[in-house]
N, C-alpha and C. Protein backbone atom coordinates (compact mmCIF):
# COMPACT_ATOMS: atom_id res chain seq x y z
N MET A 1 5.25 17.31 0.06
CA MET A 1 5.60 16.04 0.66
C MET A 1 5.11 14.90 -0.23
N VAL A 2 6.01 14.03 -0.61
CA VAL A 2 5.66 12.89 -1.46
C VAL A 2 5.04 11.81 -0.60
N LYS A 3 3.90 11.30 -1.03
CA LYS A 3 3.25 10.19 -0.34
C LYS A 3 3.84 8.89 -0.85
N ASN A 4 4.12 7.99 0.05
CA ASN A 4 4.61 6.66 -0.29
C ASN A 4 3.44 5.69 -0.15
N ILE A 5 3.02 5.15 -1.28
CA ILE A 5 1.86 4.26 -1.30
C ILE A 5 2.30 2.86 -1.70
N ALA A 6 1.88 1.88 -0.93
CA ALA A 6 2.13 0.48 -1.28
C ALA A 6 0.90 -0.05 -2.01
N LEU A 7 1.14 -0.69 -3.15
CA LEU A 7 0.07 -1.28 -3.96
C LEU A 7 0.32 -2.78 -4.08
N VAL A 8 -0.67 -3.54 -3.66
CA VAL A 8 -0.58 -5.01 -3.67
C VAL A 8 -1.90 -5.54 -4.19
N ALA A 9 -1.86 -6.59 -4.99
CA ALA A 9 -3.10 -7.22 -5.47
C ALA A 9 -2.88 -8.69 -5.74
N HIS A 10 -3.83 -9.48 -5.29
CA HIS A 10 -3.81 -10.89 -5.68
C HIS A 10 -4.14 -10.98 -7.16
N ASP A 11 -3.75 -12.09 -7.80
CA ASP A 11 -3.89 -12.24 -9.25
C ASP A 11 -5.30 -11.95 -9.74
N SER A 12 -6.31 -12.45 -9.04
CA SER A 12 -7.69 -12.27 -9.50
C SER A 12 -8.19 -10.84 -9.35
N ARG A 13 -7.43 -9.97 -8.66
CA ARG A 13 -7.84 -8.58 -8.46
C ARG A 13 -6.89 -7.58 -9.11
N LYS A 14 -5.88 -8.07 -9.83
CA LYS A 14 -4.91 -7.17 -10.46
C LYS A 14 -5.56 -6.26 -11.50
N ALA A 15 -6.46 -6.79 -12.31
CA ALA A 15 -7.12 -5.96 -13.33
C ALA A 15 -7.92 -4.84 -12.67
N GLU A 16 -8.57 -5.15 -11.58
CA GLU A 16 -9.33 -4.13 -10.84
C GLU A 16 -8.41 -3.05 -10.28
N LEU A 17 -7.25 -3.46 -9.74
CA LEU A 17 -6.30 -2.48 -9.23
C LEU A 17 -5.76 -1.62 -10.37
N MET A 18 -5.49 -2.22 -11.55
CA MET A 18 -4.97 -1.44 -12.67
C MET A 18 -6.01 -0.42 -13.14
N SER A 19 -7.27 -0.80 -13.10
CA SER A 19 -8.34 0.14 -13.45
C SER A 19 -8.33 1.32 -12.47
N TRP A 20 -8.13 1.04 -11.20
CA TRP A 20 -8.06 2.09 -10.18
C TRP A 20 -6.84 2.98 -10.40
N VAL A 21 -5.71 2.35 -10.70
CA VAL A 21 -4.48 3.10 -10.97
C VAL A 21 -4.68 4.04 -12.17
N LYS A 22 -5.28 3.52 -13.22
CA LYS A 22 -5.53 4.33 -14.42
C LYS A 22 -6.44 5.52 -14.08
N PHE A 23 -7.51 5.28 -13.34
CA PHE A 23 -8.46 6.32 -12.96
C PHE A 23 -7.79 7.40 -12.10
N ASN A 24 -6.84 7.00 -11.26
CA ASN A 24 -6.19 7.92 -10.32
C ASN A 24 -4.76 8.28 -10.72
N ALA A 25 -4.42 8.08 -11.97
CA ALA A 25 -3.04 8.32 -12.43
C ALA A 25 -2.57 9.74 -12.12
N GLY A 26 -3.44 10.70 -12.26
CA GLY A 26 -3.05 12.09 -11.99
C GLY A 26 -2.59 12.29 -10.56
N VAL A 27 -3.33 11.78 -9.61
CA VAL A 27 -2.96 11.90 -8.20
C VAL A 27 -1.72 11.06 -7.91
N LEU A 28 -1.69 9.86 -8.45
CA LEU A 28 -0.56 8.96 -8.19
C LEU A 28 0.75 9.47 -8.80
N SER A 29 0.65 10.36 -9.80
CA SER A 29 1.86 10.86 -10.46
C SER A 29 2.76 11.65 -9.52
N SER A 30 2.22 12.12 -8.40
CA SER A 30 3.03 12.87 -7.44
C SER A 30 3.42 12.01 -6.24
N CYS A 31 3.23 10.71 -6.34
CA CYS A 31 3.53 9.78 -5.25
C CYS A 31 4.69 8.88 -5.61
N ARG A 32 5.23 8.22 -4.61
CA ARG A 32 6.20 7.15 -4.82
C ARG A 32 5.44 5.86 -4.52
N LEU A 33 5.52 4.91 -5.45
CA LEU A 33 4.74 3.69 -5.34
C LEU A 33 5.64 2.50 -5.07
N TYR A 34 5.27 1.72 -4.08
CA TYR A 34 5.96 0.48 -3.75
C TYR A 34 4.99 -0.65 -4.03
N CYS A 35 5.43 -1.63 -4.77
CA CYS A 35 4.55 -2.71 -5.20
C CYS A 35 5.23 -4.06 -5.02
N THR A 36 4.41 -5.07 -4.85
CA THR A 36 4.95 -6.42 -4.89
C THR A 36 5.05 -6.86 -6.35
N GLY A 37 6.01 -7.73 -6.62
CA GLY A 37 6.29 -8.37 -7.89
C GLY A 37 5.56 -7.94 -9.14
N THR A 38 4.69 -8.81 -9.62
CA THR A 38 3.98 -8.60 -10.88
C THR A 38 3.11 -7.35 -10.82
N THR A 39 2.56 -7.07 -9.67
CA THR A 39 1.73 -5.86 -9.53
C THR A 39 2.54 -4.63 -9.93
N GLY A 40 3.79 -4.56 -9.52
CA GLY A 40 4.63 -3.41 -9.86
C GLY A 40 4.85 -3.27 -11.35
N ARG A 41 5.10 -4.38 -12.02
CA ARG A 41 5.28 -4.33 -13.48
C ARG A 41 4.01 -3.82 -14.15
N LEU A 42 2.87 -4.33 -13.71
CA LEU A 42 1.59 -3.90 -14.30
C LEU A 42 1.29 -2.44 -13.99
N VAL A 43 1.64 -1.98 -12.80
CA VAL A 43 1.43 -0.57 -12.44
C VAL A 43 2.27 0.31 -13.36
N LYS A 44 3.52 -0.04 -13.58
CA LYS A 44 4.38 0.74 -14.49
C LYS A 44 3.78 0.81 -15.89
N GLU A 45 3.34 -0.34 -16.40
CA GLU A 45 2.75 -0.38 -17.74
C GLU A 45 1.48 0.45 -17.82
N THR A 46 0.64 0.34 -16.81
CA THR A 46 -0.63 1.09 -16.79
C THR A 46 -0.38 2.58 -16.73
N LEU A 47 0.53 3.01 -15.85
CA LEU A 47 0.83 4.44 -15.75
C LEU A 47 1.47 4.97 -17.02
N ALA A 48 2.31 4.18 -17.68
CA ALA A 48 2.93 4.61 -18.94
C ALA A 48 1.88 4.82 -20.02
N GLU A 49 0.84 3.98 -20.04
CA GLU A 49 -0.26 4.17 -20.99
C GLU A 49 -0.93 5.52 -20.83
N VAL A 50 -1.10 5.93 -19.58
CA VAL A 50 -1.83 7.16 -19.28
C VAL A 50 -0.91 8.38 -19.25
N LEU A 51 0.26 8.24 -18.65
CA LEU A 51 1.14 9.39 -18.41
C LEU A 51 2.33 9.48 -19.36
N GLY A 52 2.53 8.47 -20.18
CA GLY A 52 3.69 8.47 -21.06
C GLY A 52 4.96 8.21 -20.28
N ASP A 53 6.01 8.98 -20.61
CA ASP A 53 7.31 8.78 -19.97
C ASP A 53 7.41 9.40 -18.58
N GLU A 54 6.43 10.18 -18.19
CA GLU A 54 6.48 10.91 -16.92
C GLU A 54 5.79 10.16 -15.78
N ILE A 55 6.12 8.87 -15.64
CA ILE A 55 5.48 8.10 -14.58
C ILE A 55 6.22 8.34 -13.25
N PRO A 56 5.51 8.19 -12.14
CA PRO A 56 6.16 8.34 -10.84
C PRO A 56 7.11 7.18 -10.60
N GLU A 57 7.90 7.32 -9.55
CA GLU A 57 8.81 6.25 -9.17
C GLU A 57 8.00 5.05 -8.70
N VAL A 58 8.25 3.90 -9.29
CA VAL A 58 7.59 2.65 -8.91
C VAL A 58 8.69 1.67 -8.51
N ILE A 59 8.71 1.31 -7.23
CA ILE A 59 9.72 0.40 -6.71
C ILE A 59 9.08 -0.96 -6.53
N CYS A 60 9.64 -1.95 -7.22
CA CYS A 60 9.08 -3.31 -7.17
C CYS A 60 9.83 -4.13 -6.13
N LYS A 61 9.09 -4.73 -5.26
CA LYS A 61 9.61 -5.67 -4.27
C LYS A 61 9.42 -7.08 -4.81
N LEU A 62 9.73 -8.07 -4.01
CA LEU A 62 9.50 -9.45 -4.41
C LEU A 62 8.02 -9.73 -4.57
N SER A 63 7.68 -10.80 -5.26
CA SER A 63 6.30 -11.25 -5.31
C SER A 63 5.84 -11.53 -3.88
N GLY A 64 4.57 -11.29 -3.60
CA GLY A 64 4.04 -11.47 -2.25
C GLY A 64 4.40 -12.80 -1.61
N PRO A 65 4.09 -13.93 -2.28
CA PRO A 65 4.40 -15.23 -1.67
C PRO A 65 5.89 -15.50 -1.51
N LEU A 66 6.73 -14.74 -2.22
CA LEU A 66 8.18 -14.94 -2.14
C LEU A 66 8.85 -13.99 -1.17
N GLY A 67 8.05 -13.22 -0.42
CA GLY A 67 8.60 -12.32 0.59
C GLY A 67 8.23 -10.87 0.42
N GLY A 68 7.56 -10.52 -0.68
CA GLY A 68 7.19 -9.12 -0.91
C GLY A 68 6.23 -8.57 0.13
N ASP A 69 5.32 -9.41 0.61
CA ASP A 69 4.41 -8.96 1.67
C ASP A 69 5.20 -8.57 2.92
N PHE A 70 6.24 -9.37 3.23
CA PHE A 70 7.08 -9.07 4.38
C PHE A 70 7.86 -7.77 4.16
N GLU A 71 8.35 -7.56 2.94
CA GLU A 71 9.09 -6.33 2.65
C GLU A 71 8.21 -5.11 2.85
N ILE A 72 6.98 -5.18 2.33
CA ILE A 72 6.04 -4.06 2.50
C ILE A 72 5.71 -3.90 3.99
N GLY A 73 5.50 -5.01 4.69
CA GLY A 73 5.22 -4.96 6.12
C GLY A 73 6.33 -4.28 6.90
N ALA A 74 7.57 -4.61 6.57
CA ALA A 74 8.71 -3.98 7.24
C ALA A 74 8.72 -2.47 6.99
N MET A 75 8.38 -2.07 5.77
CA MET A 75 8.35 -0.64 5.44
C MET A 75 7.25 0.08 6.22
N ILE A 76 6.14 -0.60 6.46
CA ILE A 76 5.08 -0.01 7.29
C ILE A 76 5.62 0.20 8.70
N ALA A 77 6.26 -0.83 9.26
CA ALA A 77 6.79 -0.75 10.62
C ALA A 77 7.88 0.31 10.75
N GLU A 78 8.65 0.51 9.69
CA GLU A 78 9.72 1.52 9.70
C GLU A 78 9.20 2.93 9.49
N GLY A 79 7.92 3.07 9.12
CA GLY A 79 7.33 4.39 8.90
C GLY A 79 7.50 4.91 7.49
N THR A 80 7.91 4.06 6.55
CA THR A 80 8.13 4.49 5.17
C THR A 80 6.83 4.60 4.39
N ILE A 81 5.87 3.72 4.65
CA ILE A 81 4.63 3.66 3.88
C ILE A 81 3.56 4.55 4.52
N ASP A 82 2.95 5.41 3.71
CA ASP A 82 1.89 6.31 4.17
C ASP A 82 0.49 5.75 3.95
N MET A 83 0.36 4.82 3.02
CA MET A 83 -0.94 4.27 2.66
C MET A 83 -0.74 2.91 2.02
N LEU A 84 -1.65 1.99 2.33
CA LEU A 84 -1.60 0.66 1.73
C LEU A 84 -2.90 0.40 0.98
N VAL A 85 -2.77 0.04 -0.29
CA VAL A 85 -3.91 -0.40 -1.09
C VAL A 85 -3.65 -1.86 -1.41
N PHE A 86 -4.49 -2.74 -0.87
CA PHE A 86 -4.29 -4.17 -1.03
C PHE A 86 -5.60 -4.79 -1.48
N PHE A 87 -5.71 -5.00 -2.80
CA PHE A 87 -6.90 -5.66 -3.34
C PHE A 87 -6.68 -7.16 -3.22
N CYS A 88 -7.24 -7.73 -2.16
CA CYS A 88 -7.03 -9.14 -1.90
C CYS A 88 -8.26 -9.96 -2.30
N ASP A 89 -7.99 -11.18 -2.69
CA ASP A 89 -9.05 -12.11 -3.08
C ASP A 89 -9.55 -12.82 -1.83
N ASN A 90 -10.72 -12.45 -1.39
CA ASN A 90 -11.28 -13.02 -0.17
C ASN A 90 -12.13 -14.26 -0.45
N LEU A 91 -12.17 -14.71 -1.69
CA LEU A 91 -12.97 -15.89 -2.02
C LEU A 91 -12.16 -17.18 -1.95
N ILE A 92 -10.84 -17.05 -1.93
CA ILE A 92 -10.02 -18.26 -1.82
C ILE A 92 -8.96 -18.06 -0.75
N MET A 93 -8.56 -19.14 -0.12
CA MET A 93 -7.48 -19.09 0.87
C MET A 93 -6.16 -19.03 0.12
N GLN A 94 -5.34 -18.08 0.49
CA GLN A 94 -4.04 -17.90 -0.16
C GLN A 94 -3.01 -18.79 0.52
N GLY A 95 -2.04 -19.26 -0.24
CA GLY A 95 -0.95 -20.06 0.32
C GLY A 95 -0.13 -19.26 1.31
N HIS A 96 -0.14 -17.96 1.16
CA HIS A 96 0.60 -17.07 2.07
C HIS A 96 -0.37 -16.22 2.90
N GLN A 97 -1.47 -16.84 3.33
CA GLN A 97 -2.52 -16.14 4.07
C GLN A 97 -1.97 -15.46 5.33
N ASN A 98 -1.02 -16.08 6.00
CA ASN A 98 -0.45 -15.46 7.20
C ASN A 98 0.27 -14.16 6.86
N ASP A 99 0.91 -14.11 5.70
CA ASP A 99 1.59 -12.88 5.25
C ASP A 99 0.55 -11.78 5.02
N VAL A 100 -0.55 -12.16 4.37
CA VAL A 100 -1.63 -11.23 4.09
C VAL A 100 -2.17 -10.65 5.40
N MET A 101 -2.44 -11.52 6.35
CA MET A 101 -2.97 -11.08 7.64
C MET A 101 -1.94 -10.22 8.38
N GLY A 102 -0.67 -10.49 8.17
CA GLY A 102 0.37 -9.67 8.77
C GLY A 102 0.33 -8.23 8.26
N LEU A 103 0.10 -8.06 6.96
CA LEU A 103 -0.02 -6.72 6.40
C LEU A 103 -1.22 -5.99 6.98
N VAL A 104 -2.33 -6.69 7.09
CA VAL A 104 -3.55 -6.10 7.67
C VAL A 104 -3.26 -5.66 9.11
N ARG A 105 -2.62 -6.53 9.86
CA ARG A 105 -2.31 -6.23 11.26
C ARG A 105 -1.39 -5.01 11.38
N LEU A 106 -0.34 -4.94 10.57
CA LEU A 106 0.60 -3.82 10.64
C LEU A 106 -0.03 -2.51 10.20
N ALA A 107 -0.84 -2.55 9.14
CA ALA A 107 -1.51 -1.33 8.70
C ALA A 107 -2.40 -0.78 9.81
N SER A 108 -3.10 -1.66 10.49
CA SER A 108 -3.95 -1.24 11.59
C SER A 108 -3.11 -0.75 12.78
N LEU A 109 -2.10 -1.51 13.14
CA LEU A 109 -1.26 -1.17 14.29
C LEU A 109 -0.59 0.18 14.12
N TYR A 110 -0.03 0.44 12.94
CA TYR A 110 0.71 1.68 12.70
C TYR A 110 -0.17 2.80 12.16
N ASN A 111 -1.48 2.58 12.14
CA ASN A 111 -2.45 3.63 11.85
C ASN A 111 -2.24 4.28 10.48
N ILE A 112 -2.04 3.45 9.45
CA ILE A 112 -1.95 4.02 8.11
C ILE A 112 -3.27 3.77 7.38
N PRO A 113 -3.66 4.66 6.49
CA PRO A 113 -4.85 4.42 5.68
C PRO A 113 -4.66 3.13 4.89
N PHE A 114 -5.70 2.31 4.88
CA PHE A 114 -5.59 0.96 4.33
C PHE A 114 -6.87 0.62 3.60
N ALA A 115 -6.76 0.35 2.30
CA ALA A 115 -7.93 0.02 1.48
C ALA A 115 -7.81 -1.39 0.94
N THR A 116 -8.89 -2.14 1.07
CA THR A 116 -8.93 -3.48 0.49
C THR A 116 -9.88 -3.55 -0.70
N ASN A 117 -10.48 -2.40 -1.04
CA ASN A 117 -11.38 -2.37 -2.18
C ASN A 117 -11.35 -0.99 -2.81
N ARG A 118 -11.90 -0.90 -4.00
CA ARG A 118 -11.83 0.33 -4.79
C ARG A 118 -12.54 1.51 -4.12
N SER A 119 -13.70 1.26 -3.55
CA SER A 119 -14.44 2.36 -2.92
C SER A 119 -13.62 3.00 -1.81
N THR A 120 -13.05 2.18 -0.95
CA THR A 120 -12.25 2.72 0.15
C THR A 120 -11.02 3.44 -0.38
N ALA A 121 -10.35 2.86 -1.37
CA ALA A 121 -9.18 3.50 -1.96
C ALA A 121 -9.55 4.86 -2.56
N ASP A 122 -10.69 4.93 -3.24
CA ASP A 122 -11.15 6.21 -3.81
C ASP A 122 -11.42 7.24 -2.72
N TYR A 123 -12.07 6.81 -1.65
CA TYR A 123 -12.36 7.75 -0.56
C TYR A 123 -11.07 8.29 0.05
N ILE A 124 -10.11 7.43 0.28
CA ILE A 124 -8.86 7.86 0.90
C ILE A 124 -8.11 8.83 -0.01
N ILE A 125 -7.93 8.46 -1.28
CA ILE A 125 -7.10 9.27 -2.17
C ILE A 125 -7.77 10.60 -2.55
N SER A 126 -9.09 10.66 -2.42
CA SER A 126 -9.80 11.91 -2.74
C SER A 126 -10.05 12.77 -1.50
N SER A 127 -9.67 12.31 -0.34
CA SER A 127 -9.86 13.08 0.89
C SER A 127 -8.94 14.30 0.89
N PRO A 128 -9.41 15.44 1.39
CA PRO A 128 -8.53 16.60 1.51
C PRO A 128 -7.32 16.32 2.41
N LEU A 129 -7.46 15.38 3.33
CA LEU A 129 -6.35 15.05 4.22
C LEU A 129 -5.21 14.35 3.47
N PHE A 130 -5.52 13.71 2.35
CA PHE A 130 -4.50 13.00 1.59
C PHE A 130 -3.38 13.93 1.14
N LYS A 131 -3.74 15.13 0.72
CA LYS A 131 -2.74 16.08 0.22
C LYS A 131 -2.34 17.13 1.26
N SER A 132 -2.90 17.04 2.45
CA SER A 132 -2.63 18.03 3.48
C SER A 132 -1.21 17.92 4.01
N GLU A 133 -0.53 19.05 4.05
CA GLU A 133 0.81 19.11 4.64
C GLU A 133 0.72 19.13 6.17
N GLU A 134 -0.41 19.61 6.69
CA GLU A 134 -0.57 19.75 8.13
C GLU A 134 -0.96 18.44 8.83
N TYR A 135 -1.64 17.57 8.09
CA TYR A 135 -2.11 16.33 8.72
C TYR A 135 -0.94 15.40 8.99
N LYS A 136 -0.85 14.95 10.20
CA LYS A 136 0.20 14.01 10.60
C LYS A 136 -0.47 12.77 11.19
N ARG A 137 -0.02 11.64 10.73
CA ARG A 137 -0.53 10.38 11.25
C ARG A 137 -0.13 10.26 12.71
N ILE A 138 -1.05 9.82 13.51
CA ILE A 138 -0.78 9.62 14.93
C ILE A 138 -0.38 8.17 15.15
N ILE A 139 0.81 7.99 15.67
CA ILE A 139 1.28 6.64 16.00
C ILE A 139 0.68 6.29 17.36
N PRO A 140 -0.04 5.20 17.44
CA PRO A 140 -0.70 4.84 18.71
C PRO A 140 0.33 4.69 19.84
N PRO A 141 -0.02 5.19 21.02
CA PRO A 141 0.92 5.11 22.15
C PRO A 141 1.26 3.68 22.55
N CYS A 142 0.43 2.72 22.18
CA CYS A 142 0.70 1.33 22.54
C CYS A 142 2.01 0.84 21.93
N ILE A 143 2.42 1.43 20.81
CA ILE A 143 3.68 1.01 20.18
C ILE A 143 4.86 1.37 21.06
N GLU A 144 4.91 2.62 21.51
CA GLU A 144 6.01 3.04 22.38
C GLU A 144 5.94 2.31 23.71
N SER A 145 4.73 2.12 24.22
CA SER A 145 4.57 1.39 25.48
C SER A 145 5.13 -0.02 25.36
N TYR A 146 4.88 -0.64 24.21
CA TYR A 146 5.37 -2.00 23.99
C TYR A 146 6.90 -2.02 23.92
N LYS A 147 7.45 -1.01 23.25
CA LYS A 147 8.91 -0.96 23.10
C LYS A 147 9.59 -0.80 24.46
N THR A 148 8.97 -0.07 25.36
CA THR A 148 9.60 0.26 26.65
C THR A 148 9.02 -0.54 27.81
N ARG A 149 8.29 -1.60 27.53
CA ARG A 149 7.67 -2.39 28.60
C ARG A 149 8.75 -3.02 29.47
N LYS A 150 8.40 -3.21 30.71
CA LYS A 150 9.31 -3.82 31.68
C LYS A 150 9.02 -5.31 31.76
N LEU A 151 10.06 -6.09 31.64
CA LEU A 151 9.94 -7.55 31.76
C LEU A 151 10.56 -8.00 33.07
N LYS A 152 9.94 -8.97 33.67
CA LYS A 152 10.46 -9.49 34.95
C LYS A 152 11.34 -10.67 34.71
């Protein structure tokens, strides 16, 4: 089963994400990667340095502030994304801060593994559950309850 991983990074954290991608290139080579704008280009370049021509599929969405965060969010809600790695800059307020918070909210709501820093991303990708065929993400019952709620 191919894991679909979304990779997002604010400009000040892109180098850190590329370092993580390089370190985990072997594991990522069996995944499908969805990235926002510039992050996707950098991921492709970084993986090509390490893996040569045999890089995994990297699908680039729009830049985050131009709608890429929304595209990734929609994919989480649709069940396409299995894991989100979002190295965000928490030292400055982003112009698209609401989009950023939306991704955080959706990752939590739909119960997908979600890393905002390298340590957490390393723990998730190195977990035996990451490659397990038997492990299935549990969709919280509140989602179905919300879909079928009765309105007066």
